[in-house]
C-alpha cells in the first residue's frame, strides 16, 4: 500500500494543463493518496469536496484532472486506483462523482463538452 506524495510527479499534459503522473505502478484497488489539508465549508475552484460542506485544497489533488474514464476514485479523503496504473500514467478522477456543485465550469477533454454545476444535478 502506498500513501506518499513522492509517488507523483507534477508536470504538464498534452493539452498544456498541470497534471499529476504516477512515479510508481499501482494495483487496482490500492490506496494511492490521502487528500491533506483542513476541511472548510468554502468551495473554491481548486478545492475537492470530501464530504457534505467539506472542501479541501491539497497541492497534489489540485493538479488531478477530470476524466469520465478516470483511473482514481475518491472516497472521503482517500484516492484509490480503479484499475492498474502504470508508471508515467496521468492520474485523473471524475469530478462529478464527488462535487455537489462545480465552482468553475470547464470543458471535459474526454467529450469536448462543457461541465458545470448542472452536470452535478443529473
C-alpha atoms as a PDB file:
ATOM      1  CA  UNK A   1       0.000   0.000   0.000  1.00  0.00           C
ATOM      2  CA  UNK A   2       1.199   3.494  -0.799  1.00  0.00           C
ATOM      3  CA  UNK A   3       0.219   6.862   0.556  1.00  0.00           C
ATOM      4  CA  UNK A   4       3.185   9.084  -0.235  1.00  0.00           C
ATOM      5  CA  UNK A   5       3.366  12.306  -2.190  1.00  0.00           C
ATOM      6  CA  UNK A   6       6.746  11.171  -3.584  1.00  0.00           C
ATOM      7  CA  UNK A   7       4.747   8.683  -5.692  1.00  0.00           C
ATOM      8  CA  UNK A   8       3.753  11.528  -8.001  1.00  0.00           C
ATOM      9  CA  UNK A   9       5.360  13.855 -10.479  1.00  0.00           C
ATOM     10  CA  UNK A  10       3.759  17.178 -11.327  1.00  0.00           C
ATOM     11  CA  UNK A  11       4.023  18.056 -14.980  1.00  0.00           C
ATOM     12  CA  UNK A  12       2.133  19.271 -17.984  1.00  0.00           C
ATOM     13  CA  UNK A  13      -0.117  17.092 -20.144  1.00  0.00           C
ATOM     14  CA  UNK A  14      -0.535  17.213 -23.927  1.00  0.00           C
ATOM     15  CA  UNK A  15      -3.160  19.986 -23.578  1.00  0.00           C
ATOM     16  CA  UNK A  16      -0.758  22.208 -21.612  1.00  0.00           C
ATOM     17  CA  UNK A  17      -2.572  21.688 -18.304  1.00  0.00           C
ATOM     18  CA  UNK A  18      -0.945  20.981 -14.968  1.00  0.00           C
ATOM     19  CA  UNK A  19      -1.179  17.271 -14.309  1.00  0.00           C
ATOM     20  CA  UNK A  20      -0.056  14.572 -11.878  1.00  0.00           C
ATOM     21  CA  UNK A  21       1.738  11.439 -13.116  1.00  0.00           C
ATOM     22  CA  UNK A  22       2.478   8.193 -11.286  1.00  0.00           C
ATOM     23  CA  UNK A  23       6.140   7.593 -10.412  1.00  0.00           C
ATOM     24  CA  UNK A  24       5.323   4.027  -9.401  1.00  0.00           C
ATOM     25  CA  UNK A  25       2.833   1.417 -10.574  1.00  0.00           C
ATOM     26  CA  UNK A  26      -0.352   0.961  -8.550  1.00  0.00           C
ATOM     27  CA  UNK A  27      -2.632  -2.082  -8.462  1.00  0.00           C
ATOM     28  CA  UNK A  28      -6.393  -1.865  -8.886  1.00  0.00           C
ATOM     29  CA  UNK A  29      -7.998  -1.098  -5.521  1.00  0.00           C
ATOM     30  CA  UNK A  30      -4.758   0.171  -3.978  1.00  0.00           C
ATOM     31  CA  UNK A  31      -4.781   3.291  -1.819  1.00  0.00           C
ATOM     32  CA  UNK A  32      -2.851   5.822  -3.887  1.00  0.00           C
ATOM     33  CA  UNK A  33      -3.128   9.014  -1.865  1.00  0.00           C
ATOM     34  CA  UNK A  34      -4.891  10.662   1.056  1.00  0.00           C
ATOM     35  CA  UNK A  35      -6.027  14.227   0.443  1.00  0.00           C
ATOM     36  CA  UNK A  36      -4.462  16.503   3.035  1.00  0.00           C
ATOM     37  CA  UNK A  37      -5.460  19.867   4.408  1.00  0.00           C
ATOM     38  CA  UNK A  38      -8.011  21.444   6.660  1.00  0.00           C
ATOM     39  CA  UNK A  39     -11.604  20.993   5.551  1.00  0.00           C
ATOM     40  CA  UNK A  40     -13.588  24.209   5.263  1.00  0.00           C
ATOM     41  CA  UNK A  41     -17.154  24.975   4.189  1.00  0.00           C
ATOM     42  CA  UNK A  42     -15.825  27.182   1.368  1.00  0.00           C
ATOM     43  CA  UNK A  43     -15.964  25.743  -2.170  1.00  0.00           C
ATOM     44  CA  UNK A  44     -13.268  27.127  -4.478  1.00  0.00           C
ATOM     45  CA  UNK A  45     -12.065  26.483  -8.000  1.00  0.00           C
ATOM     46  CA  UNK A  46      -9.156  24.492  -6.507  1.00  0.00           C
ATOM     47  CA  UNK A  47     -10.915  22.583  -3.735  1.00  0.00           C
ATOM     48  CA  UNK A  48     -12.084  18.977  -3.631  1.00  0.00           C
ATOM     49  CA  UNK A  49     -15.314  18.103  -1.862  1.00  0.00           C
ATOM     50  CA  UNK A  50     -14.532  15.309   0.600  1.00  0.00           C
ATOM     51  CA  UNK A  51     -17.967  15.325   2.235  1.00  0.00           C
ATOM     52  CA  UNK A  52     -21.086  17.480   2.526  1.00  0.00           C
ATOM     53  CA  UNK A  53     -19.937  21.045   3.186  1.00  0.00           C
ATOM     54  CA  UNK A  54     -16.292  19.941   3.439  1.00  0.00           C
ATOM     55  CA  UNK A  55     -13.822  21.251   0.879  1.00  0.00           C
ATOM     56  CA  UNK A  56     -10.036  20.818   0.918  1.00  0.00           C
ATOM     57  CA  UNK A  57      -7.282  22.434  -1.128  1.00  0.00           C
ATOM     58  CA  UNK A  58      -4.382  19.999  -1.487  1.00  0.00           C
ATOM     59  CA  UNK A  59      -1.295  20.766  -3.640  1.00  0.00           C
ATOM     60  CA  UNK A  60      -1.302  17.349  -5.340  1.00  0.00           C
ATOM     61  CA  UNK A  61      -5.056  16.848  -5.630  1.00  0.00           C
ATOM     62  CA  UNK A  62      -5.273  20.343  -7.121  1.00  0.00           C
ATOM     63  CA  UNK A  63      -3.473  19.049 -10.233  1.00  0.00           C
ATOM     64  CA  UNK A  64      -5.585  15.913 -10.699  1.00  0.00           C
ATOM     65  CA  UNK A  65      -7.578  16.462 -13.878  1.00  0.00           C
ATOM     66  CA  UNK A  66     -11.155  15.388 -14.555  1.00  0.00           C
ATOM     67  CA  UNK A  67     -11.980  12.399 -16.729  1.00  0.00           C
ATOM     68  CA  UNK A  68     -15.155  10.438 -17.466  1.00  0.00           C
ATOM     69  CA  UNK A  69     -12.826   7.417 -17.678  1.00  0.00           C
ATOM     70  CA  UNK A  70     -10.708   8.072 -14.565  1.00  0.00           C
ATOM     71  CA  UNK A  71      -8.104   5.806 -13.015  1.00  0.00           C
ATOM     72  CA  UNK A  72      -8.784   7.048  -9.449  1.00  0.00           C
ATOM     73  CA  UNK A  73     -11.866   7.248  -7.272  1.00  0.00           C
ATOM     74  CA  UNK A  74     -12.212   9.436  -4.203  1.00  0.00           C
ATOM     75  CA  UNK A  75     -13.790   8.097  -1.014  1.00  0.00           C
ATOM     76  CA  UNK A  76     -13.840  10.871   1.583  1.00  0.00           C
ATOM     77  CA  UNK A  77     -10.126  11.791   1.681  1.00  0.00           C
ATOM     78  CA  UNK A  78      -8.741   8.592   0.134  1.00  0.00           C
ATOM     79  CA  UNK A  79      -7.888   8.121  -3.556  1.00  0.00           C
ATOM     80  CA  UNK A  80      -7.969   4.508  -4.749  1.00  0.00           C
ATOM     81  CA  UNK A  81      -6.813   3.056  -8.065  1.00  0.00           C
ATOM     82  CA  UNK A  82      -9.795   1.987 -10.192  1.00  0.00           C
ATOM     83  CA  UNK A  83      -7.520  -0.167 -12.349  1.00  0.00           C
ATOM     84  CA  UNK A  84      -3.841  -0.988 -12.613  1.00  0.00           C
ATOM     85  CA  UNK A  85      -1.898   2.240 -13.125  1.00  0.00           C
ATOM     86  CA  UNK A  86       1.413   2.211 -14.981  1.00  0.00           C
ATOM     87  CA  UNK A  87       4.489   4.287 -14.217  1.00  0.00           C
ATOM     88  CA  UNK A  88       4.156   7.633 -16.013  1.00  0.00           C
ATOM     89  CA  UNK A  89       0.372   7.448 -16.417  1.00  0.00           C
ATOM     90  CA  UNK A  90      -1.598  10.638 -15.750  1.00  0.00           C
ATOM     91  CA  UNK A  91      -3.793  10.330 -12.657  1.00  0.00           C
ATOM     92  CA  UNK A  92      -7.405  11.508 -13.035  1.00  0.00           C
ATOM     93  CA  UNK A  93     -10.761  11.286 -11.289  1.00  0.00           C
ATOM     94  CA  UNK A  94     -14.355  12.139 -12.186  1.00  0.00           C
ATOM     95  CA  UNK A  95     -15.206  15.466 -10.538  1.00  0.00           C
ATOM     96  CA  UNK A  96     -18.930  14.796 -10.967  1.00  0.00           C
ATOM     97  CA  UNK A  97     -18.750  11.804  -8.605  1.00  0.00           C
ATOM     98  CA  UNK A  98     -17.549  13.929  -5.686  1.00  0.00           C
ATOM     99  CA  UNK A  99     -18.649  17.524  -6.254  1.00  0.00           C
ATOM    100  CA  UNK A 100     -22.199  18.542  -5.399  1.00  0.00           C
ATOM    101  CA  UNK A 101     -21.558  21.751  -7.342  1.00  0.00           C
ATOM    102  CA  UNK A 102     -18.791  22.857  -9.739  1.00  0.00           C
ATOM    103  CA  UNK A 103     -17.206  26.138  -8.601  1.00  0.00           C
ATOM    104  CA  UNK A 104     -15.729  26.894 -12.017  1.00  0.00           C
ATOM    105  CA  UNK A 105     -17.140  25.434 -15.273  1.00  0.00           C
ATOM    106  CA  UNK A 106     -14.663  23.713 -17.603  1.00  0.00           C
ATOM    107  CA  UNK A 107     -14.562  21.748 -20.849  1.00  0.00           C
ATOM    108  CA  UNK A 108     -14.138  17.996 -20.465  1.00  0.00           C
ATOM    109  CA  UNK A 109     -11.489  16.854 -22.918  1.00  0.00           C
ATOM    110  CA  UNK A 110     -12.979  13.337 -22.983  1.00  0.00           C
ATOM    111  CA  UNK A 111     -16.115  14.669 -24.664  1.00  0.00           C
ATOM    112  CA  UNK A 112     -15.280  18.292 -25.586  1.00  0.00           C
ATOM    113  CA  UNK A 113     -18.453  19.335 -23.783  1.00  0.00           C
ATOM    114  CA  UNK A 114     -18.793  21.975 -21.043  1.00  0.00           C
ATOM    115  CA  UNK A 115     -19.142  20.766 -17.462  1.00  0.00           C
ATOM    116  CA  UNK A 116     -20.834  22.998 -14.906  1.00  0.00           C
ATOM    117  CA  UNK A 117     -22.971  22.749 -11.779  1.00  0.00           C
ATOM    118  CA  UNK A 118     -25.953  21.498 -13.792  1.00  0.00           C
ATOM    119  CA  UNK A 119     -23.948  18.362 -14.644  1.00  0.00           C
ATOM    120  CA  UNK A 120     -23.735  17.573 -10.907  1.00  0.00           C
ATOM    121  CA  UNK A 121     -27.509  17.536 -10.549  1.00  0.00           C
ATOM    122  CA  UNK A 122     -28.267  14.885 -13.129  1.00  0.00           C
END
